[in-house]
PDB file of N, CA and C in Angstrom:
ATOM      1  N   UNK A   1     -18.967  29.616   6.662  1.00  0.00           N
ATOM      2  CA  UNK A   1     -19.346  29.211   8.147  1.00  0.00           C
ATOM      3  C   UNK A   1     -20.453  28.937   8.587  1.00  0.00           C
ATOM      4  N   UNK A   2     -21.633  29.773   8.033  1.00  0.00           N
ATOM      5  CA  UNK A   2     -23.085  29.631   8.444  1.00  0.00           C
ATOM      6  C   UNK A   2     -23.088  28.358   7.994  1.00  0.00           C
ATOM      7  N   UNK A   3     -23.097  27.673   6.712  1.00  0.00           N
ATOM      8  CA  UNK A   3     -23.197  26.392   5.968  1.00  0.00           C
ATOM      9  C   UNK A   3     -22.831  25.203   7.152  1.00  0.00           C
ATOM     10  N   UNK A   4     -21.625  25.655   7.579  1.00  0.00           N
ATOM     11  CA  UNK A   4     -20.987  24.484   8.402  1.00  0.00           C
ATOM     12  C   UNK A   4     -21.696  24.303   9.602  1.00  0.00           C
ATOM     13  N   UNK A   5     -22.169  25.520  10.299  1.00  0.00           N
ATOM     14  CA  UNK A   5     -22.590  25.566  11.470  1.00  0.00           C
ATOM     15  C   UNK A   5     -24.237  24.745  11.426  1.00  0.00           C
ATOM     16  N   UNK A   6     -24.807  25.090  10.513  1.00  0.00           N
ATOM     17  CA  UNK A   6     -26.063  24.772   9.899  1.00  0.00           C
ATOM     18  C   UNK A   6     -26.076  23.006   9.879  1.00  0.00           C
ATOM     19  N   UNK A   7     -25.049  22.440   8.989  1.00  0.00           N
ATOM     20  CA  UNK A   7     -24.908  21.092   8.836  1.00  0.00           C
ATOM     21  C   UNK A   7     -24.394  20.404  10.207  1.00  0.00           C
ATOM     22  N   UNK A   8     -23.464  21.183  10.996  1.00  0.00           N
ATOM     23  CA  UNK A   8     -23.021  20.470  12.014  1.00  0.00           C
ATOM     24  C   UNK A   8     -24.341  20.501  13.494  1.00  0.00           C
ATOM     25  N   UNK A   9     -25.074  21.583  13.328  1.00  0.00           N
ATOM     26  CA  UNK A   9     -26.014  21.452  14.271  1.00  0.00           C
ATOM     27  C   UNK A   9     -27.052  20.472  13.974  1.00  0.00           C
ATOM     28  N   UNK A  10     -27.264  19.982  12.473  1.00  0.00           N
ATOM     29  CA  UNK A  10     -28.173  18.814  12.354  1.00  0.00           C
ATOM     30  C   UNK A  10     -27.721  17.726  12.657  1.00  0.00           C
ATOM     31  N   UNK A  11     -26.530  17.364  12.527  1.00  0.00           N
ATOM     32  CA  UNK A  11     -25.939  16.059  12.551  1.00  0.00           C
ATOM     33  C   UNK A  11     -25.439  15.930  14.148  1.00  0.00           C
ATOM     34  N   UNK A  12     -25.585  16.573  15.252  1.00  0.00           N
ATOM     35  CA  UNK A  12     -25.008  16.557  16.471  1.00  0.00           C
ATOM     36  C   UNK A  12     -26.211  15.839  17.337  1.00  0.00           C
ATOM     37  N   UNK A  13     -25.726  14.741  17.968  1.00  0.00           N
ATOM     38  CA  UNK A  13     -26.791  14.008  18.668  1.00  0.00           C
ATOM     39  C   UNK A  13     -27.163  14.645  20.359  1.00  0.00           C
ATOM     40  N   UNK A  14     -26.053  15.503  20.556  1.00  0.00           N
ATOM     41  CA  UNK A  14     -26.385  15.991  21.965  1.00  0.00           C
ATOM     42  C   UNK A  14     -27.289  17.112  21.907  1.00  0.00           C
ATOM     43  N   UNK A  15     -28.365  17.016  22.694  1.00  0.00           N
ATOM     44  CA  UNK A  15     -29.219  18.092  22.279  1.00  0.00           C
ATOM     45  C   UNK A  15     -28.710  19.503  22.986  1.00  0.00           C
ATOM     46  N   UNK A  16     -27.635  19.474  24.076  1.00  0.00           N
ATOM     47  CA  UNK A  16     -26.982  20.770  24.628  1.00  0.00           C
ATOM     48  C   UNK A  16     -26.038  21.286  23.442  1.00  0.00           C
ATOM     49  N   UNK A  17     -25.321  20.456  22.744  1.00  0.00           N
ATOM     50  CA  UNK A  17     -24.602  21.046  21.815  1.00  0.00           C
ATOM     51  C   UNK A  17     -25.499  21.726  20.447  1.00  0.00           C
ATOM     52  N   UNK A  18     -26.612  20.837  20.296  1.00  0.00           N
ATOM     53  CA  UNK A  18     -27.327  21.288  19.048  1.00  0.00           C
ATOM     54  C   UNK A  18     -27.798  22.532  19.434  1.00  0.00           C
ATOM     55  N   UNK A  19     -28.029  22.685  20.697  1.00  0.00           N
ATOM     56  CA  UNK A  19     -28.656  24.084  21.051  1.00  0.00           C
ATOM     57  C   UNK A  19     -27.807  25.382  20.956  1.00  0.00           C
ATOM     58  N   UNK A  20     -26.420  24.780  21.554  1.00  0.00           N
ATOM     59  CA  UNK A  20     -25.400  26.091  21.519  1.00  0.00           C
ATOM     60  C   UNK A  20     -25.245  26.020  20.120  1.00  0.00           C
ATOM     61  N   UNK A  21     -25.077  25.182  19.156  1.00  0.00           N
ATOM     62  CA  UNK A  21     -24.550  25.450  17.692  1.00  0.00           C
ATOM     63  C   UNK A  21     -25.771  26.401  16.913  1.00  0.00           C
ATOM     64  N   UNK A  22     -27.093  26.140  17.217  1.00  0.00           N
ATOM     65  CA  UNK A  22     -27.985  26.819  16.589  1.00  0.00           C
ATOM     66  C   UNK A  22     -27.961  28.431  17.168  1.00  0.00           C
ATOM     67  N   UNK A  23     -27.550  28.534  18.484  1.00  0.00           N
ATOM     68  CA  UNK A  23     -27.678  29.807  19.228  1.00  0.00           C
ATOM     69  C   UNK A  23     -26.424  30.528  18.267  1.00  0.00           C
ATOM     70  N   UNK A  24     -25.356  29.864  18.346  1.00  0.00           N
ATOM     71  CA  UNK A  24     -24.192  30.703  17.639  1.00  0.00           C
ATOM     72  C   UNK A  24     -24.370  30.617  16.335  1.00  0.00           C
ATOM     73  N   UNK A  25     -25.045  29.771  15.505  1.00  0.00           N
ATOM     74  CA  UNK A  25     -25.489  30.009  14.188  1.00  0.00           C
ATOM     75  C   UNK A  25     -26.329  31.555  13.926  1.00  0.00           C
ATOM     76  N   UNK A  26     -27.093  31.578  14.903  1.00  0.00           N
ATOM     77  CA  UNK A  26     -27.915  32.994  14.776  1.00  0.00           C
ATOM     78  C   UNK A  26     -27.170  34.180  15.121  1.00  0.00           C
ATOM     79  N   UNK A  27     -26.041  33.859  15.905  1.00  0.00           N
ATOM     80  CA  UNK A  27     -25.264  35.105  16.258  1.00  0.00           C
ATOM     81  C   UNK A  27     -24.168  35.439  15.154  1.00  0.00           C
ATOM     82  N   UNK A  28     -23.554  34.308  14.638  1.00  0.00           N
ATOM     83  CA  UNK A  28     -22.720  34.218  13.501  1.00  0.00           C
ATOM     84  C   UNK A  28     -23.603  35.261  12.242  1.00  0.00           C
ATOM     85  N   UNK A  29     -24.817  34.498  12.150  1.00  0.00           N
ATOM     86  CA  UNK A  29     -25.418  35.321  10.926  1.00  0.00           C
ATOM     87  C   UNK A  29     -25.711  36.802  11.140  1.00  0.00           C
ATOM     88  N   UNK A  30     -25.594  37.357  12.415  1.00  0.00           N
ATOM     89  CA  UNK A  30     -25.810  38.449  13.093  1.00  0.00           C
ATOM     90  C   UNK A  30     -24.558  39.565  12.554  1.00  0.00           C
ATOM     91  N   UNK A  31     -23.471  38.679  12.178  1.00  0.00           N
ATOM     92  CA  UNK A  31     -22.230  39.474  12.331  1.00  0.00           C
ATOM     93  C   UNK A  31     -21.363  39.039  13.455  1.00  0.00           C
ATOM     94  N   UNK A  32     -21.489  38.378  14.394  1.00  0.00           N
ATOM     95  CA  UNK A  32     -20.705  38.435  15.442  1.00  0.00           C
ATOM     96  C   UNK A  32     -19.577  37.081  15.166  1.00  0.00           C
ATOM     97  N   UNK A  33     -18.327  37.073  15.457  1.00  0.00           N
ATOM     98  CA  UNK A  33     -17.289  36.117  14.947  1.00  0.00           C
ATOM     99  C   UNK A  33     -17.809  34.992  15.901  1.00  0.00           C
ATOM    100  N   UNK A  34     -17.288  33.928  15.361  1.00  0.00           N
ATOM    101  CA  UNK A  34     -17.563  32.497  15.958  1.00  0.00           C
ATOM    102  C   UNK A  34     -16.893  32.082  17.293  1.00  0.00           C
ATOM    103  N   UNK A  35     -15.523  32.695  17.016  1.00  0.00           N
ATOM    104  CA  UNK A  35     -15.088  32.450  18.366  1.00  0.00           C
ATOM    105  C   UNK A  35     -15.490  33.071  19.523  1.00  0.00           C
ATOM    106  N   UNK A  36     -16.218  34.659  19.331  1.00  0.00           N
ATOM    107  CA  UNK A  36     -16.792  35.176  20.327  1.00  0.00           C
ATOM    108  C   UNK A  36     -18.112  34.836  20.715  1.00  0.00           C
ATOM    109  N   UNK A  37     -18.955  33.789  19.747  1.00  0.00           N
ATOM    110  CA  UNK A  37     -20.013  33.228  20.067  1.00  0.00           C
ATOM    111  C   UNK A  37     -19.921  32.020  20.973  1.00  0.00           C
ATOM    112  N   UNK A  38     -19.026  31.380  20.680  1.00  0.00           N
ATOM    113  CA  UNK A  38     -19.004  30.260  21.273  1.00  0.00           C
ATOM    114  C   UNK A  38     -18.186  30.383  22.737  1.00  0.00           C
ATOM    115  N   UNK A  39     -17.597  31.600  22.970  1.00  0.00           N
ATOM    116  CA  UNK A  39     -16.720  31.913  24.234  1.00  0.00           C
ATOM    117  C   UNK A  39     -17.938  32.133  25.685  1.00  0.00           C
ATOM    118  N   UNK A  40     -19.161  32.497  24.971  1.00  0.00           N
ATOM    119  CA  UNK A  40     -20.098  32.669  26.171  1.00  0.00           C
ATOM    120  C   UNK A  40     -20.668  31.276  26.697  1.00  0.00           C
ATOM    121  N   UNK A  41     -20.362  30.108  26.197  1.00  0.00           N
ATOM    122  CA  UNK A  41     -20.935  28.873  26.926  1.00  0.00           C
ATOM    123  C   UNK A  41     -19.727  28.402  27.589  1.00  0.00           C
ATOM    124  N   UNK A  42     -20.275  28.107  28.780  1.00  0.00           N
ATOM    125  CA  UNK A  42     -19.332  27.146  29.831  1.00  0.00           C
ATOM    126  C   UNK A  42     -19.361  25.783  29.194  1.00  0.00           C
ATOM    127  N   UNK A  43     -20.128  25.264  28.663  1.00  0.00           N
ATOM    128  CA  UNK A  43     -19.929  23.761  27.977  1.00  0.00           C
ATOM    129  C   UNK A  43     -18.602  23.720  26.970  1.00  0.00           C
ATOM    130  N   UNK A  44     -18.305  24.873  26.255  1.00  0.00           N
ATOM    131  CA  UNK A  44     -17.308  24.849  25.447  1.00  0.00           C
ATOM    132  C   UNK A  44     -16.011  25.427  26.115  1.00  0.00           C
ATOM    133  N   UNK A  45     -14.857  24.253  26.018  1.00  0.00           N
ATOM    134  CA  UNK A  45     -13.646  24.712  26.654  1.00  0.00           C
ATOM    135  C   UNK A  45     -13.074  26.051  26.321  1.00  0.00           C
ATOM    136  N   UNK A  46     -12.418  26.701  27.391  1.00  0.00           N
ATOM    137  CA  UNK A  46     -11.964  28.188  26.903  1.00  0.00           C
ATOM    138  C   UNK A  46     -10.498  27.972  25.936  1.00  0.00           C
ATOM    139  N   UNK A  47     -10.081  26.744  25.885  1.00  0.00           N
ATOM    140  CA  UNK A  47      -9.036  26.587  25.138  1.00  0.00           C
ATOM    141  C   UNK A  47      -9.495  26.576  23.544  1.00  0.00           C
ATOM    142  N   UNK A  48     -10.443  25.813  23.521  1.00  0.00           N
ATOM    143  CA  UNK A  48     -11.407  25.819  22.104  1.00  0.00           C
ATOM    144  C   UNK A  48     -11.716  27.183  21.545  1.00  0.00           C
ATOM    145  N   UNK A  49     -12.629  27.937  22.539  1.00  0.00           N
ATOM    146  CA  UNK A  49     -12.510  29.382  21.801  1.00  0.00           C
ATOM    147  C   UNK A  49     -11.430  30.323  21.494  1.00  0.00           C
ATOM    148  N   UNK A  50     -10.459  30.017  22.384  1.00  0.00           N
ATOM    149  CA  UNK A  50      -9.281  30.783  22.024  1.00  0.00           C
ATOM    150  C   UNK A  50      -8.612  30.396  20.945  1.00  0.00           C
ATOM    151  N   UNK A  51      -8.581  29.041  20.656  1.00  0.00           N
ATOM    152  CA  UNK A  51      -7.986  28.591  19.581  1.00  0.00           C
ATOM    153  C   UNK A  51      -8.783  28.979  18.263  1.00  0.00           C
ATOM    154  N   UNK A  52     -10.196  29.035  18.563  1.00  0.00           N
ATOM    155  CA  UNK A  52     -11.084  29.618  17.377  1.00  0.00           C
ATOM    156  C   UNK A  52     -10.577  30.906  16.853  1.00  0.00           C
ATOM    157  N   UNK A  53     -10.576  31.435  18.174  1.00  0.00           N
ATOM    158  CA  UNK A  53     -10.315  33.243  17.664  1.00  0.00           C
ATOM    159  C   UNK A  53      -8.885  33.060  16.950  1.00  0.00           C
ATOM    160  N   UNK A  54      -7.765  32.510  17.188  1.00  0.00           N
ATOM    161  CA  UNK A  54      -6.441  32.555  16.702  1.00  0.00           C
ATOM    162  C   UNK A  54      -6.928  32.011  15.270  1.00  0.00           C
ATOM    163  N   UNK A  55      -7.588  31.006  15.166  1.00  0.00           N
ATOM    164  CA  UNK A  55      -7.943  30.587  13.759  1.00  0.00           C
ATOM    165  C   UNK A  55      -8.532  31.495  12.860  1.00  0.00           C
ATOM    166  N   UNK A  56      -9.570  32.329  13.472  1.00  0.00           N
ATOM    167  CA  UNK A  56     -10.019  33.539  12.881  1.00  0.00           C
ATOM    168  C   UNK A  56      -9.138  34.582  12.379  1.00  0.00           C
ATOM    169  N   UNK A  57      -8.449  34.888  13.137  1.00  0.00           N
ATOM    170  CA  UNK A  57      -7.273  36.060  13.197  1.00  0.00           C
ATOM    171  C   UNK A  57      -6.211  35.570  11.884  1.00  0.00           C
ATOM    172  N   UNK A  58      -6.085  34.497  11.770  1.00  0.00           N
ATOM    173  CA  UNK A  58      -4.972  34.228  11.051  1.00  0.00           C
ATOM    174  C   UNK A  58      -5.395  33.575   9.761  1.00  0.00           C
ATOM    175  N   UNK A  59      -6.791  33.250   9.331  1.00  0.00           N
ATOM    176  CA  UNK A  59      -7.358  32.807   8.444  1.00  0.00           C
ATOM    177  C   UNK A  59      -7.368  31.081   8.391  1.00  0.00           C
ATOM    178  N   UNK A  60      -6.763  30.264   9.131  1.00  0.00           N
ATOM    179  CA  UNK A  60      -6.757  29.033   9.339  1.00  0.00           C
ATOM    180  C   UNK A  60      -7.852  28.335  10.309  1.00  0.00           C
ATOM    181  N   UNK A  61      -8.926  28.916  10.510  1.00  0.00           N
ATOM    182  CA  UNK A  61     -10.048  28.227  11.251  1.00  0.00           C
ATOM    183  C   UNK A  61     -10.157  26.748  11.046  1.00  0.00           C
ATOM    184  N   UNK A  62     -10.235  26.354   9.786  1.00  0.00           N
ATOM    185  CA  UNK A  62     -10.332  24.918   9.578  1.00  0.00           C
ATOM    186  C   UNK A  62      -9.276  24.227   9.881  1.00  0.00           C
ATOM    187  N   UNK A  63      -8.400  24.559   9.659  1.00  0.00           N
ATOM    188  CA  UNK A  63      -6.976  23.759  10.039  1.00  0.00           C
ATOM    189  C   UNK A  63      -6.961  23.510  11.644  1.00  0.00           C
ATOM    190  N   UNK A  64      -7.130  24.660  12.122  1.00  0.00           N
ATOM    191  CA  UNK A  64      -7.202  24.784  13.809  1.00  0.00           C
ATOM    192  C   UNK A  64      -8.264  23.940  14.284  1.00  0.00           C
ATOM    193  N   UNK A  65      -9.623  23.959  13.961  1.00  0.00           N
ATOM    194  CA  UNK A  65     -10.468  23.185  14.451  1.00  0.00           C
ATOM    195  C   UNK A  65     -10.197  21.815  13.926  1.00  0.00           C
ATOM    196  N   UNK A  66      -9.687  21.487  12.854  1.00  0.00           N
ATOM    197  CA  UNK A  66      -9.279  20.188  12.637  1.00  0.00           C
ATOM    198  C   UNK A  66      -8.431  19.545  13.709  1.00  0.00           C
ATOM    199  N   UNK A  67      -7.272  20.189  13.927  1.00  0.00           N
ATOM    200  CA  UNK A  67      -6.376  19.884  15.029  1.00  0.00           C
ATOM    201  C   UNK A  67      -7.091  19.705  16.296  1.00  0.00           C
ATOM    202  N   UNK A  68      -7.876  20.672  16.731  1.00  0.00           N
ATOM    203  CA  UNK A  68      -8.779  20.761  17.880  1.00  0.00           C
ATOM    204  C   UNK A  68      -9.581  19.183  17.935  1.00  0.00           C
ATOM    205  N   UNK A  69     -10.162  18.909  16.956  1.00  0.00           N
ATOM    206  CA  UNK A  69     -10.587  17.670  16.822  1.00  0.00           C
ATOM    207  C   UNK A  69     -10.138  16.668  17.001  1.00  0.00           C
ATOM    208  N   UNK A  70      -8.842  16.687  16.569  1.00  0.00           N
ATOM    209  CA  UNK A  70      -7.643  15.327  16.619  1.00  0.00           C
ATOM    210  C   UNK A  70      -7.605  15.026  18.175  1.00  0.00           C
ATOM    211  N   UNK A  71      -7.210  16.539  18.589  1.00  0.00           N
ATOM    212  CA  UNK A  71      -6.850  16.528  19.999  1.00  0.00           C
ATOM    213  C   UNK A  71      -7.767  16.046  20.910  1.00  0.00           C
ATOM    214  N   UNK A  72      -9.123  16.330  20.795  1.00  0.00           N
ATOM    215  CA  UNK A  72     -10.190  15.885  21.757  1.00  0.00           C
ATOM    216  C   UNK A  72     -10.702  14.515  21.356  1.00  0.00           C
ATOM    217  N   UNK A  73     -10.342  13.885  20.137  1.00  0.00           N
ATOM    218  CA  UNK A  73     -10.440  12.412  19.741  1.00  0.00           C
ATOM    219  C   UNK A  73      -9.490  11.586  20.692  1.00  0.00           C
ATOM    220  N   UNK A  74      -8.274  12.062  20.659  1.00  0.00           N
ATOM    221  CA  UNK A  74      -7.162  11.457  21.570  1.00  0.00           C
ATOM    222  C   UNK A  74      -7.736  11.452  22.892  1.00  0.00           C
ATOM    223  N   UNK A  75      -8.215  12.650  23.281  1.00  0.00           N
ATOM    224  CA  UNK A  75      -8.573  12.689  25.028  1.00  0.00           C
ATOM    225  C   UNK A  75      -9.475  11.670  25.212  1.00  0.00           C
ATOM    226  N   UNK A  76     -10.643  11.400  24.488  1.00  0.00           N
ATOM    227  CA  UNK A  76     -11.697  10.609  24.476  1.00  0.00           C
ATOM    228  C   UNK A  76     -11.357   8.999  24.435  1.00  0.00           C
ATOM    229  N   UNK A  77     -10.317   8.946  23.446  1.00  0.00           N
ATOM    230  CA  UNK A  77      -9.556   7.494  23.505  1.00  0.00           C
ATOM    231  C   UNK A  77      -8.978   7.231  24.846  1.00  0.00           C
ATOM    232  N   UNK A  78      -8.158   8.208  25.109  1.00  0.00           N
ATOM    233  CA  UNK A  78      -7.183   8.149  26.402  1.00  0.00           C
ATOM    234  C   UNK A  78      -8.155   7.700  27.834  1.00  0.00           C
ATOM    235  N   UNK A  79      -9.214   8.543  27.707  1.00  0.00           N
ATOM    236  CA  UNK A  79     -10.360   8.216  28.857  1.00  0.00           C
ATOM    237  C   UNK A  79     -10.919   6.651  28.719  1.00  0.00           C
ATOM    238  N   UNK A  80     -11.308   6.460  27.720  1.00  0.00           N
ATOM    239  CA  UNK A  80     -11.975   5.401  27.392  1.00  0.00           C
ATOM    240  C   UNK A  80     -11.202   4.223  27.906  1.00  0.00           C
ATOM    241  N   UNK A  81      -9.595   4.255  27.533  1.00  0.00           N
ATOM    242  CA  UNK A  81      -8.678   3.249  27.723  1.00  0.00           C
ATOM    243  C   UNK A  81      -8.545   3.055  28.969  1.00  0.00           C
ATOM    244  N   UNK A  82      -8.763   4.326  29.736  1.00  0.00           N
ATOM    245  CA  UNK A  82      -8.414   4.426  31.150  1.00  0.00           C
ATOM    246  C   UNK A  82      -9.557   3.590  32.007  1.00  0.00           C
ATOM    247  N   UNK A  83     -10.742   4.065  31.472  1.00  0.00           N
ATOM    248  CA  UNK A  83     -11.935   3.477  32.026  1.00  0.00           C
ATOM    249  C   UNK A  83     -11.865   1.940  31.886  1.00  0.00           C
ATOM    250  N   UNK A  84     -11.801   1.315  30.717  1.00  0.00           N
ATOM    251  CA  UNK A  84     -11.399  -0.091  30.548  1.00  0.00           C
ATOM    252  C   UNK A  84     -10.289  -0.740  31.233  1.00  0.00           C
ATOM    253  N   UNK A  85      -9.193   0.008  31.630  1.00  0.00           N
ATOM    254  CA  UNK A  85      -7.821  -0.407  32.704  1.00  0.00           C
ATOM    255  C   UNK A  85      -8.846  -0.579  33.799  1.00  0.00           C
ATOM    256  N   UNK A  86      -9.668   0.418  34.212  1.00  0.00           N
ATOM    257  CA  UNK A  86     -10.131   0.143  35.730  1.00  0.00           C
ATOM    258  C   UNK A  86     -11.230  -0.641  35.816  1.00  0.00           C
ATOM    259  N   UNK A  87     -11.728  -1.005  34.704  1.00  0.00           N
ATOM    260  CA  UNK A  87     -13.278  -1.849  34.744  1.00  0.00           C
ATOM    261  C   UNK A  87     -12.314  -3.352  34.665  1.00  0.00           C
ATOM    262  N   UNK A  88     -11.464  -3.821  33.928  1.00  0.00           N
ATOM    263  CA  UNK A  88     -11.101  -5.063  33.949  1.00  0.00           C
ATOM    264  C   UNK A  88     -10.620  -5.746  35.318  1.00  0.00           C
ATOM    265  N   UNK A  89     -10.025  -5.182  36.024  1.00  0.00           N
ATOM    266  CA  UNK A  89      -9.502  -5.621  37.386  1.00  0.00           C
ATOM    267  C   UNK A  89     -10.990  -5.970  38.248  1.00  0.00           C
ATOM    268  N   UNK A  90     -11.806  -4.858  37.981  1.00  0.00           N
ATOM    269  CA  UNK A  90     -12.887  -4.960  39.100  1.00  0.00           C
ATOM    270  C   UNK A  90     -13.838  -6.355  38.431  1.00  0.00           C
ATOM    271  N   UNK A  91     -13.702  -6.365  37.236  1.00  0.00           N
ATOM    272  CA  UNK A  91     -14.534  -7.671  36.676  1.00  0.00           C
ATOM    273  C   UNK A  91     -13.730  -8.925  37.010  1.00  0.00           C
ATOM    274  N   UNK A  92     -12.615  -9.020  36.985  1.00  0.00           N
ATOM    275  CA  UNK A  92     -11.632 -10.378  37.287  1.00  0.00           C
ATOM    276  C   UNK A  92     -12.155 -10.528  38.933  1.00  0.00           C
ATOM    277  N   UNK A  93     -12.089  -9.436  39.748  1.00  0.00           N
ATOM    278  CA  UNK A  93     -12.349  -9.781  40.919  1.00  0.00           C
ATOM    279  C   UNK A  93     -13.711 -10.267  41.442  1.00  0.00           C
ATOM    280  N   UNK A  94     -14.882  -9.668  40.379  1.00  0.00           N
ATOM    281  CA  UNK A  94     -16.092 -10.291  40.606  1.00  0.00           C
ATOM    282  C   UNK A  94     -16.374 -11.514  40.023  1.00  0.00           C
ATOM    283  N   UNK A  95     -15.563 -11.982  38.962  1.00  0.00           N
ATOM    284  CA  UNK A  95     -15.743 -13.139  38.491  1.00  0.00           C
ATOM    285  C   UNK A  95     -15.186 -14.249  39.785  1.00  0.00           C
ATOM    286  N   UNK A  96     -14.128 -13.831  40.074  1.00  0.00           N
ATOM    287  CA  UNK A  96     -13.474 -14.720  41.348  1.00  0.00           C
ATOM    288  C   UNK A  96     -14.619 -15.186  42.241  1.00  0.00           C
ATOM    289  N   UNK A  97     -14.956 -13.746  42.557  1.00  0.00           N
ATOM    290  CA  UNK A  97     -16.283 -13.952  44.016  1.00  0.00           C
ATOM    291  C   UNK A  97     -17.174 -14.968  43.597  1.00  0.00           C
ATOM    292  N   UNK A  98     -17.802 -14.607  42.109  1.00  0.00           N
ATOM    293  CA  UNK A  98     -18.632 -15.559  41.547  1.00  0.00           C
ATOM    294  C   UNK A  98     -18.363 -17.107  41.526  1.00  0.00           C
ATOM    295  N   UNK A  99     -17.127 -17.405  41.210  1.00  0.00           N
ATOM    296  CA  UNK A  99     -16.588 -18.809  41.373  1.00  0.00           C
ATOM    297  C   UNK A  99     -16.465 -19.242  42.709  1.00  0.00           C
ATOM    298  N   UNK A 100     -15.598 -18.552  43.671  1.00  0.00           N
ATOM    299  CA  UNK A 100     -15.842 -18.669  44.962  1.00  0.00           C
ATOM    300  C   UNK A 100     -17.084 -19.200  45.534  1.00  0.00           C
ATOM    301  N   UNK A 101     -18.025 -18.480  44.994  1.00  0.00           N
ATOM    302  CA  UNK A 101     -19.540 -18.709  45.693  1.00  0.00           C
ATOM    303  C   UNK A 101     -20.023 -19.977  44.906  1.00  0.00           C
ATOM    304  N   UNK A 102     -19.882 -20.109  43.861  1.00  0.00           N
ATOM    305  CA  UNK A 102     -20.186 -21.530  43.237  1.00  0.00           C
ATOM    306  C   UNK A 102     -19.489 -22.422  44.018  1.00  0.00           C
ATOM    307  N   UNK A 103     -18.197 -22.656  43.970  1.00  0.00           N
ATOM    308  CA  UNK A 103     -17.476 -23.662  44.532  1.00  0.00           C
ATOM    309  C   UNK A 103     -18.163 -23.790  46.243  1.00  0.00           C
ATOM    310  N   UNK A 104     -18.088 -22.877  47.018  1.00  0.00           N
ATOM    311  CA  UNK A 104     -18.644 -22.946  48.098  1.00  0.00           C
ATOM    312  C   UNK A 104     -20.114 -23.507  48.304  1.00  0.00           C
ATOM    313  N   UNK A 105     -20.701 -23.091  47.314  1.00  0.00           N
ATOM    314  CA  UNK A 105     -22.371 -23.835  47.445  1.00  0.00           C
ATOM    315  C   UNK A 105     -22.272 -25.374  46.950  1.00  0.00           C
ATOM    316  N   UNK A 106     -21.168 -25.781  46.254  1.00  0.00           N
ATOM    317  CA  UNK A 106     -21.117 -27.036  46.009  1.00  0.00           C
ATOM    318  C   UNK A 106     -20.450 -28.032  47.151  1.00  0.00           C
ATOM    319  N   UNK A 107     -19.108 -27.326  47.549  1.00  0.00           N
ATOM    320  CA  UNK A 107     -18.354 -28.113  48.180  1.00  0.00           C
ATOM    321  C   UNK A 107     -18.756 -28.112  49.520  1.00  0.00           C
ATOM    322  N   UNK A 108     -19.549 -26.982  50.188  1.00  0.00           N
ATOM    323  CA  UNK A 108     -19.905 -27.120  51.516  1.00  0.00           C
ATOM    324  C   UNK A 108     -21.249 -28.387  51.872  1.00  0.00           C
ATOM    325  N   UNK A 109     -22.100 -28.429  50.963  1.00  0.00           N
ATOM    326  CA  UNK A 109     -23.165 -29.655  51.103  1.00  0.00           C
ATOM    327  C   UNK A 109     -22.463 -30.912  51.155  1.00  0.00           C
ATOM    328  N   UNK A 110     -21.339 -31.093  50.259  1.00  0.00           N
ATOM    329  CA  UNK A 110     -20.599 -32.364  50.101  1.00  0.00           C
ATOM    330  C   UNK A 110     -19.813 -32.716  51.441  1.00  0.00           C
ATOM    331  N   UNK A 111     -19.536 -31.374  51.894  1.00  0.00           N
ATOM    332  CA  UNK A 111     -18.708 -31.827  53.153  1.00  0.00           C
ATOM    333  C   UNK A 111     -19.593 -32.018  54.381  1.00  0.00           C
ATOM    334  N   UNK A 112     -20.802 -31.239  54.411  1.00  0.00           N
ATOM    335  CA  UNK A 112     -21.596 -31.833  55.362  1.00  0.00           C
ATOM    336  C   UNK A 112     -22.231 -32.954  55.467  1.00  0.00           C
ATOM    337  N   UNK A 113     -22.450 -33.550  53.982  1.00  0.00           N
ATOM    338  CA  UNK A 113     -22.685 -35.145  53.874  1.00  0.00           C
ATOM    339  C   UNK A 113     -21.717 -35.800  54.379  1.00  0.00           C
ATOM    340  N   UNK A 114     -20.470 -35.729  54.025  1.00  0.00           N
ATOM    341  CA  UNK A 114     -19.352 -36.752  54.790  1.00  0.00           C
ATOM    342  C   UNK A 114     -19.295 -36.621  56.314  1.00  0.00           C
ATOM    343  N   UNK A 115     -19.700 -35.295  56.857  1.00  0.00           N
ATOM    344  CA  UNK A 115     -19.312 -35.426  58.285  1.00  0.00           C
ATOM    345  C   UNK A 115     -20.694 -36.140  59.008  1.00  0.00           C
ATOM    346  N   UNK A 116     -21.716 -36.237  58.291  1.00  0.00           N
ATOM    347  CA  UNK A 116     -23.053 -37.214  58.968  1.00  0.00           C
ATOM    348  C   UNK A 116     -22.935 -38.773  58.676  1.00  0.00           C
ATOM    349  N   UNK A 117     -22.087 -39.088  58.108  1.00  0.00           N
ATOM    350  CA  UNK A 117     -21.772 -40.347  57.722  1.00  0.00           C
ATOM    351  C   UNK A 117     -20.730 -40.925  58.785  1.00  0.00           C
TER     352      UNK A 117
END
């Protein structure tokens, strides 16, 4: 567990989570359980610390953390898909406004020229 926390803390890009993992590593080295150590941080979802506790009690911590990783990966993918779904219509509207502006900037002077003749 200690080695896994060390490696994970080294490869995490997010500074907040790196700090959480480093502090958790110190607590685990001091004899505290992983689940109890991560439960103190509001950045860690409660379901994650509860599942980690179940994993420690049953001896299936690696399997449960793998399941949680898959779950959160799906959550991120769903959030990205939703965001893309919201951005696409906005981009189409903005593109339409750009085309309308371009057409107006070309056609209005032509219309004005024909009126002066």
